[in-house]
Amino acid sequence: MTKKSIALYLTIIGLLLIIAVGWYAYALHASRQPEPDSVSFDGLRAYADVQTQVAFGPRIPGSNGHAQVQAWMRTELESAGWQVEIQESEALGHPIQNVVAKRGDASPQIILGAHYDSRMFADNDPDFANHTQPVPGANDGASGVAVLLELARTLPEDSVSTWLVFFDAEDNGRIEGWDWILGSREFVKNNVLQPRAVVIVDMIGDADLNIYKERNSNPDLTDEIWGVANNLGYGQQFIAEYKFSMTDDHTPFLEAGIPAMDIIDFDYPYWHTLADTLDKVSAESLEAVGKTLWTWITQQSVQN
C-alpha cells in the first residue's frame, strides 16, 4: 500500500469516526429531551361534555339534573388533578352552590368562569305554549362548562395559578323571586381575591360562532385575548368590533375593581328557547375558544 493510499485510508477512517461520534452525541441529546406534550385542547372531547350535560336534563337549581351535573363535574375535575370545593351560600332565599377548582394553595392570578345552571323557562321560544318549559341549555350553560373542563384536563401544571369557577344560579333573571348572576355575586362577596384577570365564557359553542367584543368588558384584557385568537387563525370567530353590553358573571368582578371580560356570542338565535339543543353546538367552535384561552394562559408569566 502506497503512502497516498494509507493517507486516504486514514482520512476515511477519521471521517467515519467523526460521523459516528456526532451521531452518538445527537442521539444522546435527543434521548434526554422531554417527550412532546400529547395532551392539547380537544374540541371533540369538549363536545362530548356538552352531550353529557344535556343528557342530565335541565340543570335548574334544586333539580336532579343540577345535582347530577355538579357531581359529574367534581369527578371530572378531580380526575384531572384539581382540588374541588363547593362554596355554599344563599341569595334571595335560594341555595347557591358554586363549584371552585384549584391546583395548589396559591391565590389565583387568573379566574376562568362559566355558569352550569340552565334556565327554568323558555320564555323566548316562538311558541308561547313552550314558555313554561325548561331550556335544554346545550349552548347556554353547557358549552362554557365543557370548555373549562377540557382546560382542566390540558393546562400544564406549571401554568400561572388559575381557578376554574362554575357559577350557580346565573340564568333565571326576569322570573319572580329570582335575578341574574346570583352565583357570581355570592362568589365575589365571599372571596376576598385580587386576580389580575377574570374571563367568563358563555354561549360559545354555537356552530355559527360570532363573538364580538363586549362593551362592559375590560378593554385591555379583551384586546389581549382577541390578539391571541387572531394569531391562531380564529379571526372570523373573534370579531374585532364592539357590539353588545352584557350583564353577565363578569359584572360583579368589574364592580369590585377586578379586570374582567365576557366572551359571549349573543347573536345566538336559540337563546332561552327549546331549540337550544345539542345539534346547534359544534366541536370546532368549542375548540376555537378553548385553544385561544389555553394559549393565552400558557403565555402568562407568574407575577409576585
Protein backbone atom coordinates (compact mmCIF):
# COMPACT_ATOMS: atom_id res chain seq x y z
CA MET A 1 0.00 0.00 0.00
CA THR A 2 1.44 3.31 -1.00
CA LYS A 3 1.79 6.33 1.28
CA LYS A 4 -1.06 8.04 -0.59
CA SER A 5 -3.31 5.03 -0.13
CA ILE A 6 -2.52 4.89 3.58
CA ALA A 7 -3.25 8.61 3.99
CA LEU A 8 -6.56 8.26 2.11
CA TYR A 9 -7.48 5.24 4.22
CA LEU A 10 -6.72 7.10 7.46
CA THR A 11 -8.71 10.12 6.27
CA ILE A 12 -11.75 7.96 5.55
CA ILE A 13 -11.47 6.25 8.93
CA GLY A 14 -11.22 9.65 10.62
CA LEU A 15 -14.31 10.96 8.83
CA LEU A 16 -16.27 7.86 9.80
CA LEU A 17 -15.22 8.30 13.41
CA ILE A 18 -16.33 11.95 13.38
CA ILE A 19 -19.70 10.98 11.89
CA ALA A 20 -20.15 8.20 14.45
CA VAL A 21 -19.29 10.47 17.38
CA GLY A 22 -21.61 13.18 16.07
CA TRP A 23 -24.48 10.72 15.64
CA TYR A 24 -23.94 9.34 19.15
CA ALA A 25 -23.92 12.85 20.64
CA TYR A 26 -27.12 13.74 18.77
CA ALA A 27 -28.85 10.52 19.86
CA LEU A 28 -27.80 11.06 23.48
CA HIS A 29 -29.09 14.66 23.40
CA ALA A 30 -32.38 13.62 21.80
CA SER A 31 -32.89 10.87 24.38
CA ARG A 32 -32.68 13.47 27.15
CA GLN A 33 -35.35 15.74 25.66
CA PRO A 34 -38.77 15.63 27.33
CA GLU A 35 -41.48 13.79 25.49
CA PRO A 36 -43.65 16.14 23.47
CA ASP A 37 -46.91 17.01 25.19
CA SER A 38 -49.57 14.87 23.51
CA VAL A 39 -52.37 16.46 25.52
CA SER A 40 -53.89 19.51 23.91
CA PHE A 41 -57.33 21.07 23.91
CA ASP A 42 -59.67 18.75 22.03
CA GLY A 43 -62.95 20.17 20.73
CA LEU A 44 -64.43 16.68 20.32
CA ARG A 45 -63.83 15.89 24.00
CA ALA A 46 -65.45 19.20 24.91
CA TYR A 47 -68.40 18.39 22.65
CA ALA A 48 -68.81 15.06 24.47
CA ASP A 49 -69.01 17.07 27.71
CA VAL A 50 -71.87 19.11 26.23
CA GLN A 51 -73.61 15.83 25.34
CA THR A 52 -73.25 14.57 28.90
CA GLN A 53 -74.71 17.72 30.42
CA VAL A 54 -77.70 17.78 28.07
CA ALA A 55 -78.35 14.12 28.87
CA PHE A 56 -78.78 15.05 32.54
CA GLY A 57 -81.77 17.13 31.52
CA PRO A 58 -82.47 20.65 32.79
CA ARG A 59 -79.88 21.84 35.35
CA ILE A 60 -82.25 24.15 37.23
CA PRO A 61 -81.05 24.86 40.79
CA GLY A 62 -82.60 22.29 43.11
CA SER A 63 -83.35 19.76 40.35
CA ASN A 64 -81.97 16.24 39.92
CA GLY A 65 -80.13 17.37 36.79
CA HIS A 66 -78.44 20.14 38.75
CA ALA A 67 -77.24 17.67 41.41
CA GLN A 68 -76.07 15.19 38.77
CA VAL A 69 -74.09 17.70 36.74
CA GLN A 70 -72.44 19.05 39.87
CA ALA A 71 -71.32 15.57 40.97
CA TRP A 72 -70.10 14.75 37.47
CA MET A 73 -68.10 18.00 37.20
CA ARG A 74 -66.45 17.24 40.52
CA THR A 75 -65.43 13.77 39.35
CA GLU A 76 -64.02 15.10 36.07
CA LEU A 77 -62.06 17.87 37.78
CA GLU A 78 -60.60 15.64 40.47
CA SER A 79 -59.65 13.04 37.85
CA ALA A 80 -57.70 15.81 36.11
CA GLY A 81 -55.80 16.61 39.32
CA TRP A 82 -57.72 19.62 40.62
CA GLN A 83 -58.93 20.17 44.17
CA VAL A 84 -62.65 20.91 44.21
CA GLU A 85 -64.62 22.96 46.73
CA ILE A 86 -68.37 23.52 46.75
CA GLN A 87 -68.97 27.01 48.13
CA GLU A 88 -72.46 27.13 49.59
CA SER A 89 -74.39 30.30 50.38
CA GLU A 90 -77.86 31.76 49.89
CA ALA A 91 -79.29 34.51 47.70
CA LEU A 92 -82.91 35.70 47.57
CA GLY A 93 -83.82 32.67 49.65
CA HIS A 94 -82.26 30.23 47.17
CA PRO A 95 -79.31 27.95 47.99
CA ILE A 96 -76.24 28.77 45.90
CA GLN A 97 -73.56 26.17 45.17
CA ASN A 98 -70.55 27.49 43.28
CA VAL A 99 -68.03 24.84 42.24
CA VAL A 100 -64.42 26.03 42.57
CA ALA A 101 -61.45 24.08 41.19
CA LYS A 102 -57.85 24.85 42.19
CA ARG A 103 -54.37 23.36 41.85
CA GLY A 104 -52.35 24.15 44.94
CA ASP A 105 -52.80 26.74 47.66
CA ALA A 106 -51.74 29.85 45.76
CA SER A 107 -54.21 32.68 45.29
CA PRO A 108 -55.45 32.82 41.71
CA GLN A 109 -53.83 35.18 39.26
CA ILE A 110 -56.45 34.16 36.70
CA ILE A 111 -60.06 33.07 37.18
CA LEU A 112 -61.95 31.38 34.37
CA GLY A 113 -65.69 31.13 34.89
CA ALA A 114 -68.85 29.69 33.35
CA HIS A 115 -72.35 29.05 34.70
CA TYR A 116 -73.53 25.46 35.00
CA ASP A 117 -77.22 26.02 35.67
CA SER A 118 -79.84 26.21 32.93
CA ARG A 119 -82.88 28.45 32.67
CA MET A 120 -86.16 27.18 34.07
CA PHE A 121 -88.39 28.86 31.45
CA ALA A 122 -88.01 29.00 27.67
CA ASP A 123 -89.67 32.40 27.58
CA ASN A 124 -88.03 33.45 24.27
CA ASP A 125 -89.46 30.46 22.42
CA PRO A 126 -91.53 31.47 19.37
CA ASP A 127 -94.28 29.12 20.57
CA PHE A 128 -95.98 30.74 23.57
CA ALA A 129 -97.07 27.30 24.79
CA ASN A 130 -93.41 26.48 25.48
CA HIS A 131 -92.74 29.44 27.76
CA THR A 132 -93.18 27.40 30.93
CA GLN A 133 -90.88 24.60 29.72
CA PRO A 134 -87.21 24.39 30.83
CA VAL A 135 -84.43 25.28 28.39
CA PRO A 136 -82.18 22.38 27.30
CA GLY A 137 -79.16 24.69 27.67
CA ALA A 138 -76.78 22.98 25.23
CA ASN A 139 -75.09 26.25 24.32
CA ASP A 140 -76.37 28.47 27.14
CA GLY A 141 -74.58 26.83 30.02
CA ALA A 142 -73.18 23.50 28.83
CA SER A 143 -70.74 24.95 26.26
CA GLY A 144 -68.90 27.12 28.78
CA VAL A 145 -68.69 24.28 31.29
CA ALA A 146 -67.30 22.00 28.58
CA VAL A 147 -64.53 24.45 27.69
CA LEU A 148 -63.50 24.81 31.34
CA LEU A 149 -63.45 21.04 31.87
CA GLU A 150 -61.28 20.47 28.81
CA LEU A 151 -58.92 23.21 30.01
CA ALA A 152 -58.76 21.42 33.36
CA ARG A 153 -57.53 18.30 31.56
CA THR A 154 -54.99 20.03 29.34
CA LEU A 155 -53.49 23.08 31.06
CA PRO A 156 -49.87 22.38 32.06
CA GLU A 157 -49.35 22.01 35.80
CA ASP A 158 -46.74 24.76 35.80
CA SER A 159 -49.18 27.30 34.35
CA VAL A 160 -49.86 30.54 36.18
CA SER A 161 -52.12 29.99 39.21
CA THR A 162 -55.64 29.60 37.80
CA TRP A 163 -59.01 28.87 39.36
CA LEU A 164 -61.88 27.40 37.39
CA VAL A 165 -65.20 28.58 38.81
CA PHE A 166 -68.52 27.07 37.80
CA PHE A 167 -71.19 29.55 38.85
CA ASP A 168 -74.61 28.55 40.05
CA ALA A 169 -77.91 30.41 39.53
CA GLU A 170 -76.84 32.69 36.70
CA ASP A 171 -79.71 32.26 34.30
CA ASN A 172 -83.09 32.92 35.95
CA GLY A 173 -83.45 36.68 35.77
CA ARG A 174 -86.81 38.20 34.85
CA ILE A 175 -88.50 35.45 36.88
CA GLU A 176 -90.35 36.28 40.09
CA GLY A 177 -88.22 35.63 43.16
CA TRP A 178 -85.02 35.30 41.13
CA ASP A 179 -82.40 37.51 39.47
CA TRP A 180 -79.48 37.17 37.11
CA ILE A 181 -75.89 36.24 38.16
CA LEU A 182 -76.70 35.22 41.75
CA GLY A 183 -73.82 32.74 41.92
CA SER A 184 -71.08 35.11 40.76
CA ARG A 185 -72.33 37.85 43.09
CA GLU A 186 -72.08 35.43 46.00
CA PHE A 187 -68.61 34.34 44.91
CA VAL A 188 -67.26 37.89 44.79
CA LYS A 189 -68.91 38.73 48.11
CA ASN A 190 -67.49 35.70 49.89
CA ASN A 191 -63.97 35.55 48.40
CA VAL A 192 -61.51 38.36 49.07
CA LEU A 193 -59.33 37.96 45.99
CA GLN A 194 -57.43 40.21 43.62
CA PRO A 195 -56.73 38.19 40.47
CA ARG A 196 -55.16 40.11 37.64
CA ALA A 197 -57.75 38.80 35.16
CA VAL A 198 -61.19 37.17 35.14
CA VAL A 199 -62.55 35.66 31.91
CA ILE A 200 -66.12 34.42 31.59
CA VAL A 201 -67.22 32.11 28.77
CA ASP A 202 -70.93 31.93 27.97
CA MET A 203 -72.71 30.64 24.86
CA ILE A 204 -69.50 29.95 22.96
CA GLY A 205 -70.45 26.65 21.29
CA ASP A 206 -72.73 27.99 18.55
CA ALA A 207 -71.91 26.22 15.28
CA ASP A 208 -72.18 29.64 13.61
CA LEU A 209 -69.82 31.32 16.06
CA ASN A 210 -69.63 35.13 16.01
CA ILE A 211 -68.06 36.57 19.15
CA TYR A 212 -67.97 40.36 19.25
CA LYS A 213 -66.11 42.40 21.83
CA GLU A 214 -68.41 43.11 24.77
CA ARG A 215 -68.72 46.78 25.72
CA ASN A 216 -68.64 46.36 29.51
CA SER A 217 -65.52 44.19 29.49
CA ASN A 218 -62.04 45.40 30.38
CA PRO A 219 -60.73 46.69 27.02
CA ASP A 220 -57.06 45.82 27.54
CA LEU A 221 -57.88 42.26 28.54
CA THR A 222 -60.29 41.96 25.61
CA ASP A 223 -57.69 43.19 23.11
CA GLU A 224 -55.11 40.80 24.54
CA ILE A 225 -57.31 37.73 24.08
CA TRP A 226 -58.59 38.85 20.68
CA GLY A 227 -54.96 39.19 19.60
CA VAL A 228 -54.25 35.60 20.64
CA ALA A 229 -57.33 34.37 18.78
CA ASN A 230 -56.30 36.25 15.64
CA ASN A 231 -52.77 34.83 15.77
CA LEU A 232 -54.24 31.33 15.98
CA GLY A 233 -56.36 31.91 12.89
CA TYR A 234 -59.67 32.45 14.67
CA GLY A 235 -60.27 35.99 13.44
CA GLN A 236 -63.57 35.01 11.83
CA GLN A 237 -64.94 33.73 15.14
CA PHE A 238 -63.47 36.52 17.30
CA ILE A 239 -64.72 39.64 15.51
CA ALA A 240 -62.71 42.76 16.31
CA GLU A 241 -65.74 45.02 16.76
CA TYR A 242 -67.80 46.01 19.80
CA LYS A 243 -71.48 45.13 19.75
CA PHE A 244 -73.31 44.16 22.97
CA SER A 245 -73.37 45.41 26.56
CA MET A 246 -73.97 42.44 28.83
CA THR A 247 -74.86 41.81 32.45
CA ASP A 248 -73.11 38.51 32.98
CA ASP A 249 -70.89 36.74 35.50
CA HIS A 250 -68.06 39.20 34.81
CA THR A 251 -70.18 42.08 36.17
CA PRO A 252 -69.62 41.53 39.92
CA PHE A 253 -65.86 41.37 39.35
CA LEU A 254 -65.87 44.63 37.41
CA GLU A 255 -67.90 46.25 40.21
CA ALA A 256 -65.20 45.08 42.65
CA GLY A 257 -62.47 46.75 40.56
CA ILE A 258 -61.10 43.50 39.11
CA PRO A 259 -60.22 43.38 35.38
CA ALA A 260 -62.82 41.08 33.85
CA MET A 261 -64.29 40.27 30.47
CA ASP A 262 -67.08 38.28 28.88
CA ILE A 263 -66.59 36.02 25.85
CA ILE A 264 -70.11 35.53 24.53
CA ASP A 265 -71.93 35.04 21.23
CA PHE A 266 -75.14 36.91 21.94
CA ASP A 267 -76.33 36.62 18.35
CA TYR A 268 -77.31 33.03 19.18
CA PRO A 269 -80.89 32.78 17.83
CA TYR A 270 -81.96 29.93 20.13
CA TRP A 271 -81.26 31.75 23.40
CA HIS A 272 -83.84 30.81 26.05
CA THR A 273 -85.83 28.60 23.66
CA LEU A 274 -86.48 24.85 23.45
CA ALA A 275 -84.24 24.82 20.36
CA ASP A 276 -81.05 25.38 22.42
CA THR A 277 -80.16 21.76 21.70
CA LEU A 278 -77.06 19.69 21.01
CA ASP A 279 -77.31 19.99 17.23
CA LYS A 280 -76.74 23.77 17.49
CA VAL A 281 -73.28 23.25 19.04
CA SER A 282 -70.06 22.31 17.23
CA ALA A 283 -66.74 20.87 18.35
CA GLU A 284 -64.96 23.40 16.10
CA SER A 285 -66.45 26.37 17.95
CA LEU A 286 -65.59 24.90 21.34
CA GLU A 287 -62.04 24.29 20.15
CA ALA A 288 -61.62 27.83 18.80
CA VAL A 289 -62.47 29.31 22.20
CA GLY A 290 -60.67 26.63 24.20
CA LYS A 291 -57.41 26.81 22.27
CA THR A 292 -57.46 30.60 22.45
CA LEU A 293 -57.76 30.52 26.24
CA TRP A 294 -55.26 27.65 26.56
CA THR A 295 -52.69 29.61 24.56
CA TRP A 296 -53.37 32.86 26.41
CA ILE A 297 -52.97 31.23 29.82
CA THR A 298 -49.78 29.39 28.92
CA GLN A 299 -48.29 32.67 27.70
CA GLN A 300 -48.85 34.34 31.07
CA SER A 301 -45.87 34.74 33.39
CA VAL A 302 -46.14 34.32 37.13
CA GLN A 303 -46.34 37.61 39.00
CA ASN A 304 -45.40 38.05 42.65
